[in-house]
């Protein structure tokens, strides 16, 4: 009996070791993509734009997200300052591999909802360091993923994954992401330009557990080539409140919150 127990324990240990060794870059990114975030979420988003001289412009936004099963919808309403007030942005991200996000922006001065074309996805969003594409949800199948190594950041063990786009004309030549083990959230992400030079770095500054979900509340995108930073801070977060499906429509973009 003792011999059997020892063999069984050895087999369990060997299986666990093999499982740890066999995890792939693709599986890690899939775990990040599939991380539970709740049926819906709302919050107050502060977007701070900081230039190389330290000058800061602050924009206040009301944000709503909802999971529709085969897609996630997001809508953002700009509250202040006056020059961007009543501007709104909406994004629909699909679970279907190969299907691009649909995105729209409403500019009150034009009183018209404009669809963001695929050619415009590399444009920067409202003067920030995030492109329209960054605001979407990139499907794991869009890139080839490679686990480079494991590394510790701020006391947390991370997988470091390199992702190279399958699309030849994509705006980034590659990204490298540090993903916290077991939490499946990105701690840090580097974006490289078409010449394979570091363009910008996204850093997770703070996350909170709300209900049973990990919510990223503070993050910073730093464009190292322009020395410009965008800080995103999410407050008053509410999860699973039953946001209406009608919140995510072009009509609501024009109407506002």
Protein backbone atom coordinates (compact mmCIF):
# COMPACT_ATOMS: atom_id res chain seq x y z
CA UNK A 1 0.00 0.00 0.00
CA UNK A 2 2.81 2.38 0.89
CA UNK A 3 4.57 1.61 -2.40
CA UNK A 4 1.34 2.30 -4.33
CA UNK A 5 0.86 5.63 -2.47
CA UNK A 6 4.42 6.71 -3.28
CA UNK A 7 3.96 5.83 -6.97
CA UNK A 8 0.62 7.67 -7.05
CA UNK A 9 2.09 10.79 -5.46
CA UNK A 10 5.04 10.70 -7.85
CA UNK A 11 2.64 10.47 -10.78
CA UNK A 12 0.62 13.45 -9.51
CA UNK A 13 3.78 15.53 -9.03
CA UNK A 14 5.03 14.57 -12.50
CA UNK A 15 1.66 15.46 -14.06
CA UNK A 16 1.62 18.84 -12.32
CA UNK A 17 5.18 19.53 -13.46
CA UNK A 18 4.37 18.59 -17.05
CA UNK A 19 1.25 20.77 -16.98
CA UNK A 20 3.32 23.74 -15.84
CA UNK A 21 5.86 23.08 -18.58
CA UNK A 22 3.25 22.62 -21.29
CA UNK A 23 1.43 25.94 -20.90
CA UNK A 24 1.78 27.91 -24.11
CA UNK A 25 1.79 31.56 -25.01
CA UNK A 26 -1.54 31.10 -26.79
CA UNK A 27 -3.15 29.46 -23.75
CA UNK A 28 -1.95 32.28 -21.49
CA UNK A 29 -3.43 34.95 -23.79
CA UNK A 30 -6.66 32.95 -24.06
CA UNK A 31 -6.89 32.89 -20.27
CA UNK A 32 -6.52 36.68 -20.22
CA UNK A 33 -9.15 37.06 -22.95
CA UNK A 34 -11.60 34.73 -21.15
CA UNK A 35 -11.10 36.18 -17.64
CA UNK A 36 -14.51 36.75 -16.02
CA UNK A 37 -15.41 40.43 -15.69
CA UNK A 38 -19.14 40.23 -14.92
CA UNK A 39 -22.26 40.66 -17.00
CA UNK A 40 -21.98 44.44 -17.00
CA UNK A 41 -19.95 47.26 -15.49
CA UNK A 42 -20.18 51.01 -15.12
CA UNK A 43 -17.88 53.64 -13.65
CA UNK A 44 -16.47 57.15 -13.78
CA UNK A 45 -13.31 57.31 -15.88
CA UNK A 46 -10.77 60.11 -15.55
CA UNK A 47 -8.41 60.40 -18.52
CA UNK A 48 -5.35 62.57 -17.87
CA UNK A 49 -3.12 63.62 -20.78
CA UNK A 50 0.40 64.58 -19.65
CA UNK A 51 2.97 66.00 -22.07
CA UNK A 52 6.78 66.03 -21.83
CA UNK A 53 6.74 69.31 -19.84
CA UNK A 54 4.36 67.85 -17.26
CA UNK A 55 1.38 69.91 -18.45
CA UNK A 56 -1.84 68.01 -17.81
CA UNK A 57 -5.26 68.00 -19.43
CA UNK A 58 -8.03 66.10 -17.67
CA UNK A 59 -11.15 64.61 -19.23
CA UNK A 60 -14.06 63.13 -17.28
CA UNK A 61 -15.95 60.22 -18.84
CA UNK A 62 -18.88 58.00 -17.90
CA UNK A 63 -18.27 54.43 -19.09
CA UNK A 64 -20.57 51.42 -19.49
CA UNK A 65 -19.75 47.85 -20.58
CA UNK A 66 -21.93 44.79 -21.11
CA UNK A 67 -21.36 41.17 -22.09
CA UNK A 68 -23.84 39.99 -24.72
CA UNK A 69 -22.53 36.43 -24.89
CA UNK A 70 -20.97 36.48 -28.35
CA UNK A 71 -19.76 40.06 -28.03
CA UNK A 72 -18.91 42.79 -25.53
CA UNK A 73 -20.24 46.31 -25.97
CA UNK A 74 -18.71 49.46 -24.51
CA UNK A 75 -19.90 53.06 -24.58
CA UNK A 76 -18.18 56.17 -23.25
CA UNK A 77 -19.73 59.60 -22.71
CA UNK A 78 -17.45 62.63 -22.25
CA UNK A 79 -18.70 64.83 -19.42
CA UNK A 80 -15.98 67.50 -19.26
CA UNK A 81 -14.24 69.79 -20.17
CA UNK A 82 -16.58 71.87 -22.30
CA UNK A 83 -14.68 71.38 -25.58
CA UNK A 84 -15.32 67.60 -25.55
CA UNK A 85 -18.57 67.48 -23.57
CA UNK A 86 -21.29 65.28 -25.17
CA UNK A 87 -18.76 63.50 -27.38
CA UNK A 88 -19.35 59.75 -27.19
CA UNK A 89 -17.59 56.60 -28.33
CA UNK A 90 -18.95 53.07 -28.77
CA UNK A 91 -17.17 49.78 -29.46
CA UNK A 92 -18.50 46.28 -30.10
CA UNK A 93 -15.91 43.50 -29.70
CA UNK A 94 -16.78 40.06 -31.08
CA UNK A 95 -15.78 36.62 -29.78
CA UNK A 96 -15.71 35.26 -33.33
CA UNK A 97 -12.12 34.80 -34.53
CA UNK A 98 -11.20 37.06 -37.42
CA UNK A 99 -14.10 39.47 -36.93
CA UNK A 100 -12.94 43.05 -36.40
CA UNK A 101 -14.40 45.35 -33.76
CA UNK A 102 -17.11 47.78 -34.83
CA UNK A 103 -16.52 51.30 -33.49
CA UNK A 104 -18.30 54.63 -33.73
CA UNK A 105 -17.70 58.16 -32.48
CA UNK A 106 -20.26 60.95 -32.07
CA UNK A 107 -19.02 64.53 -32.43
CA UNK A 108 -21.66 67.01 -31.22
CA UNK A 109 -20.33 69.83 -33.43
CA UNK A 110 -21.18 67.72 -36.50
CA UNK A 111 -24.30 66.18 -34.90
CA UNK A 112 -23.37 62.95 -36.62
CA UNK A 113 -22.27 59.45 -35.62
CA UNK A 114 -19.15 58.48 -37.56
CA UNK A 115 -18.09 54.88 -38.02
CA UNK A 116 -14.38 54.26 -37.41
CA UNK A 117 -13.01 52.61 -40.55
CA UNK A 118 -10.36 49.89 -40.45
CA UNK A 119 -7.88 52.39 -41.90
CA UNK A 120 -8.48 54.71 -38.93
CA UNK A 121 -7.97 52.12 -36.18
CA UNK A 122 -4.33 53.25 -35.83
CA UNK A 123 -5.40 56.86 -35.13
CA UNK A 124 -5.05 58.10 -31.57
CA UNK A 125 -8.25 58.44 -29.55
CA UNK A 126 -9.16 61.97 -28.42
CA UNK A 127 -5.53 63.11 -28.07
CA UNK A 128 -4.59 60.17 -25.84
CA UNK A 129 -1.82 57.58 -26.26
CA UNK A 130 -4.41 54.86 -26.96
CA UNK A 131 -5.32 54.11 -30.55
CA UNK A 132 -8.87 53.12 -31.46
CA UNK A 133 -7.58 49.58 -31.86
CA UNK A 134 -6.15 49.63 -28.32
CA UNK A 135 -9.65 50.33 -26.99
CA UNK A 136 -11.03 47.16 -28.55
CA UNK A 137 -10.57 43.52 -27.52
CA UNK A 138 -7.99 41.83 -29.75
CA UNK A 139 -8.84 38.16 -30.33
CA UNK A 140 -6.06 35.69 -29.34
CA UNK A 141 -6.16 34.10 -32.82
CA UNK A 142 -5.09 37.41 -34.42
CA UNK A 143 -1.49 36.91 -33.28
CA UNK A 144 1.16 34.24 -32.93
CA UNK A 145 2.08 33.97 -29.25
CA UNK A 146 5.32 32.75 -27.71
CA UNK A 147 6.08 32.29 -24.01
CA UNK A 148 9.49 33.95 -23.59
CA UNK A 149 10.14 33.46 -19.88
CA UNK A 150 8.79 33.93 -16.37
CA UNK A 151 9.60 37.07 -14.42
CA UNK A 152 8.64 38.86 -11.19
CA UNK A 153 7.23 42.40 -11.18
CA UNK A 154 6.31 44.18 -7.93
CA UNK A 155 6.36 40.87 -6.06
CA UNK A 156 4.02 39.12 -8.52
CA UNK A 157 5.09 36.20 -10.70
CA UNK A 158 4.37 36.81 -14.37
CA UNK A 159 4.48 35.01 -17.68
CA UNK A 160 6.18 37.10 -20.37
CA UNK A 161 4.51 36.54 -23.76
CA UNK A 162 5.53 37.89 -27.16
CA UNK A 163 2.66 38.37 -29.64
CA UNK A 164 3.36 38.89 -33.33
CA UNK A 165 0.41 39.91 -35.54
CA UNK A 166 -0.58 37.63 -38.40
CA UNK A 167 -1.78 40.68 -40.34
CA UNK A 168 1.15 42.12 -42.32
CA UNK A 169 -0.03 45.73 -42.26
CA UNK A 170 -0.87 45.86 -38.56
CA UNK A 171 0.27 49.00 -36.71
CA UNK A 172 2.53 47.13 -34.26
CA UNK A 173 5.30 44.74 -35.26
CA UNK A 174 4.86 42.95 -31.94
CA UNK A 175 3.79 43.35 -28.33
CA UNK A 176 5.32 41.86 -25.18
CA UNK A 177 3.02 41.34 -22.20
CA UNK A 178 3.76 40.52 -18.56
CA UNK A 179 0.75 38.51 -17.29
CA UNK A 180 0.20 37.80 -13.61
CA UNK A 181 -0.06 34.06 -12.95
CA UNK A 182 -3.46 32.81 -11.74
CA UNK A 183 -4.99 36.34 -11.94
CA UNK A 184 -4.63 36.46 -15.75
CA UNK A 185 -4.30 40.24 -15.92
CA UNK A 186 -1.66 42.19 -17.80
CA UNK A 187 0.80 43.87 -15.43
CA UNK A 188 2.76 45.52 -18.23
CA UNK A 189 2.64 45.61 -22.02
CA UNK A 190 5.18 46.91 -24.52
CA UNK A 191 4.17 47.99 -28.04
CA UNK A 192 6.75 48.02 -30.85
CA UNK A 193 6.44 50.07 -34.02
CA UNK A 194 6.91 48.94 -37.63
CA UNK A 195 10.70 49.30 -37.29
CA UNK A 196 10.64 47.03 -34.23
CA UNK A 197 11.51 49.94 -31.92
CA UNK A 198 9.73 50.37 -28.58
CA UNK A 199 6.85 52.80 -29.12
CA UNK A 200 4.92 52.79 -25.86
CA UNK A 201 4.38 50.92 -22.61
CA UNK A 202 1.09 50.20 -20.82
CA UNK A 203 1.45 49.69 -17.06
CA UNK A 204 -1.12 48.46 -14.55
CA UNK A 205 -0.92 50.69 -11.48
CA UNK A 206 -3.86 49.39 -9.45
CA UNK A 207 -6.57 46.75 -9.53
CA UNK A 208 -9.40 46.00 -7.11
CA UNK A 209 -11.59 43.01 -6.38
CA UNK A 210 -15.23 44.02 -6.83
CA UNK A 211 -17.67 41.25 -6.06
CA UNK A 212 -15.88 38.21 -7.54
CA UNK A 213 -14.06 40.09 -10.30
CA UNK A 214 -10.67 41.75 -10.64
CA UNK A 215 -11.17 45.25 -12.06
CA UNK A 216 -8.28 47.35 -13.36
CA UNK A 217 -8.80 50.80 -11.83
CA UNK A 218 -5.58 52.70 -12.65
CA UNK A 219 -3.37 52.25 -15.70
CA UNK A 220 -0.89 54.38 -17.64
CA UNK A 221 0.10 54.37 -21.29
CA UNK A 222 3.47 56.06 -21.88
CA UNK A 223 4.58 56.87 -25.43
CA UNK A 224 8.36 56.68 -25.06
CA UNK A 225 8.99 58.21 -28.49
CA UNK A 226 6.90 61.34 -27.79
CA UNK A 227 7.39 61.33 -24.01
CA UNK A 228 3.63 61.66 -23.57
CA UNK A 229 1.50 59.80 -21.01
CA UNK A 230 -2.19 58.97 -20.67
CA UNK A 231 -3.40 57.98 -17.21
CA UNK A 232 -6.74 56.18 -16.92
CA UNK A 233 -8.37 56.07 -13.47
CA UNK A 234 -11.69 54.28 -12.93
CA UNK A 235 -13.80 55.13 -9.84
CA UNK A 236 -17.28 54.41 -8.47
CA UNK A 237 -17.27 51.04 -10.22
CA UNK A 238 -20.48 49.01 -10.15
CA UNK A 239 -20.72 45.45 -11.46
CA UNK A 240 -23.77 43.38 -12.50
CA UNK A 241 -26.39 46.11 -12.06
CA UNK A 242 -28.47 45.09 -15.07
CA UNK A 243 -27.59 47.80 -17.60
CA UNK A 244 -30.17 47.99 -20.38
CA UNK A 245 -29.27 46.64 -23.83
CA UNK A 246 -30.56 49.92 -25.26
CA UNK A 247 -27.67 51.81 -23.66
CA UNK A 248 -25.38 50.63 -26.48
CA UNK A 249 -26.95 52.22 -29.55
CA UNK A 250 -26.25 55.09 -31.95
CA UNK A 251 -29.40 56.77 -30.66
CA UNK A 252 -27.97 56.75 -27.14
CA UNK A 253 -24.66 58.13 -28.43
CA UNK A 254 -26.50 61.21 -29.69
CA UNK A 255 -28.77 61.46 -26.66
CA UNK A 256 -26.02 61.10 -24.04
CA UNK A 257 -26.09 59.43 -20.62
